[in-house]
Amino acid sequence: MKYHEFVAAVRERGEYASAAEAEGVIRAVLSVLAARLTPGEARDLASQLPQGVAEILEEQHEPTLQLSVQEFLNRIAAGTGATTRTAQWDAGAVLSTVADAVTWGELNDVITQLPSGYAALFGTEA
């Protein structure tokens, strides 16, 4: 998947008004996801995503944070200025696109690192 295809898929799923709005949501969601994953897993995930998207995961330098799904959504909401309900919508639009862009094995590796409840955001119950 190429960068513009990834952005277009997120824009369509999230029903965003513009590609720029979709790009802002992608950055917000993936920045928080990167803080939740170990650096090695963030790199592995980034290796299967298009340039421009992958770099967001690789920029993270914080120690791995242990975030519940609610804390994850709260951080996204804080980053976008939205409600947590909107953050859940945003996370679903981005993470389901991530799920479509990577191999099942990589998706499984990511979901395995996350607590219960995150799988639904990726559009799977794995």
Protein backbone atom coordinates (compact mmCIF):
# COMPACT_ATOMS: atom_id res chain seq x y z
CA MET A 1 0.00 0.00 0.00
CA LYS A 2 1.32 3.45 -0.92
CA TYR A 3 1.07 6.54 1.30
CA HIS A 4 -1.73 8.21 -0.68
CA GLU A 5 -3.71 4.93 -0.66
CA PHE A 6 -3.31 4.64 3.12
CA VAL A 7 -4.48 8.23 3.64
CA ALA A 8 -7.39 7.73 1.22
CA ALA A 9 -8.48 4.56 3.06
CA VAL A 10 -8.39 6.32 6.44
CA ARG A 11 -10.22 9.31 4.98
CA GLU A 12 -12.98 7.09 3.60
CA ARG A 13 -13.33 4.97 6.76
CA GLY A 14 -13.32 7.97 9.04
CA GLU A 15 -15.45 10.10 6.72
CA TYR A 16 -13.00 13.00 7.01
CA ALA A 17 -13.51 16.14 4.95
CA SER A 18 -9.97 16.25 3.56
CA ALA A 19 -6.76 14.30 3.20
CA ALA A 20 -5.13 16.80 5.58
CA GLU A 21 -7.69 15.97 8.28
CA ALA A 22 -7.07 12.24 7.76
CA GLU A 23 -3.30 12.82 7.97
CA GLY A 24 -3.70 14.63 11.30
CA VAL A 25 -5.73 11.75 12.70
CA ILE A 26 -3.18 9.21 11.40
CA ARG A 27 -0.39 11.11 13.18
CA ALA A 28 -2.37 11.39 16.43
CA VAL A 29 -3.34 7.71 16.56
CA LEU A 30 0.00 6.24 15.48
CA SER A 31 1.98 8.49 17.83
CA VAL A 32 0.04 7.11 20.78
CA LEU A 33 0.28 3.55 19.45
CA ALA A 34 4.05 3.93 19.10
CA ALA A 35 4.27 4.95 22.76
CA ARG A 36 2.36 1.80 23.70
CA LEU A 37 4.48 -0.66 21.67
CA THR A 38 8.03 -1.73 22.44
CA PRO A 39 10.54 0.05 20.17
CA GLY A 40 11.30 -3.22 18.36
CA GLU A 41 7.64 -3.91 17.64
CA ALA A 42 7.08 -0.32 16.50
CA ARG A 43 9.98 -0.75 14.05
CA ASP A 44 8.62 -4.09 12.82
CA LEU A 45 5.19 -2.58 12.24
CA ALA A 46 6.71 0.47 10.55
CA SER A 47 8.64 -1.77 8.15
CA GLN A 48 5.33 -2.91 6.61
CA LEU A 49 3.72 0.52 6.33
CA PRO A 50 4.26 3.14 3.62
CA GLN A 51 6.86 5.87 3.98
CA GLY A 52 5.25 8.86 5.63
CA VAL A 53 3.20 6.60 7.88
CA ALA A 54 6.10 4.44 9.05
CA GLU A 55 8.09 7.45 10.22
CA ILE A 56 5.42 8.32 12.78
CA LEU A 57 6.01 4.99 14.51
CA GLU A 58 9.79 5.40 14.30
CA GLU A 59 9.77 8.92 15.87
CA GLN A 60 8.69 7.65 19.29
CA HIS A 61 11.45 7.78 21.91
CA GLU A 62 9.47 7.50 25.15
CA PRO A 63 9.69 4.36 27.24
CA THR A 64 6.89 1.92 26.47
CA LEU A 65 3.73 3.08 28.22
CA GLN A 66 1.23 0.65 29.71
CA LEU A 67 -2.06 2.15 28.52
CA SER A 68 -5.49 0.65 28.87
CA VAL A 69 -7.79 1.13 25.89
CA GLN A 70 -9.48 4.03 27.70
CA GLU A 71 -6.12 5.72 28.42
CA PHE A 72 -5.12 5.15 24.80
CA LEU A 73 -8.31 6.85 23.60
CA ASN A 74 -7.91 9.68 26.13
CA ARG A 75 -4.42 10.42 24.78
CA ILE A 76 -5.70 10.47 21.20
CA ALA A 77 -8.55 12.78 22.23
CA ALA A 78 -6.07 15.10 23.96
CA GLY A 79 -3.94 15.17 20.81
CA THR A 80 -6.81 15.95 18.47
CA GLY A 81 -8.98 18.06 20.77
CA ALA A 82 -11.85 15.62 20.28
CA THR A 83 -14.03 13.62 22.63
CA THR A 84 -13.04 10.09 23.58
CA ARG A 85 -15.98 8.84 21.49
CA THR A 86 -14.53 10.60 18.45
CA ALA A 87 -11.07 9.28 19.38
CA GLN A 88 -12.49 5.76 19.29
CA TRP A 89 -13.84 6.43 15.79
CA ASP A 90 -10.47 7.90 14.74
CA ALA A 91 -8.53 4.96 16.19
CA GLY A 92 -10.79 2.50 14.37
CA ALA A 93 -10.35 4.30 11.04
CA VAL A 94 -6.55 4.32 11.35
CA LEU A 95 -5.95 0.95 12.99
CA SER A 96 -8.28 -0.99 10.69
CA THR A 97 -6.31 0.50 7.79
CA VAL A 98 -3.08 -0.59 9.48
CA ALA A 99 -4.57 -4.09 9.78
CA ASP A 100 -5.27 -4.13 6.04
CA ALA A 101 -1.76 -2.89 5.19
CA VAL A 102 0.31 -5.44 7.14
CA THR A 103 0.62 -9.21 7.22
CA TRP A 104 -1.53 -11.25 9.59
CA GLY A 105 1.63 -12.31 11.45
CA GLU A 106 2.67 -8.73 12.11
CA LEU A 107 -0.83 -7.73 13.13
CA ASN A 108 -0.92 -10.66 15.53
CA ASP A 109 2.46 -9.60 17.00
CA VAL A 110 1.12 -6.09 17.60
CA ILE A 111 -2.17 -7.22 19.12
CA THR A 112 -0.35 -9.72 21.36
CA GLN A 113 1.56 -6.80 22.96
CA LEU A 114 -1.64 -4.95 23.76
CA PRO A 115 -4.17 -5.57 26.53
CA SER A 116 -7.64 -6.91 25.93
CA GLY A 117 -9.89 -4.53 24.03
CA TYR A 118 -7.39 -3.21 21.50
CA ALA A 119 -8.13 -5.93 18.90
CA ALA A 120 -11.56 -4.43 18.22
CA LEU A 121 -9.92 -1.11 17.25
CA PHE A 122 -8.02 -3.01 14.53
CA GLY A 123 -11.28 -4.49 13.28
CA THR A 124 -10.49 -7.94 14.59
CA GLU A 125 -11.17 -9.95 17.70
CA ALA A 126 -7.85 -11.82 17.48
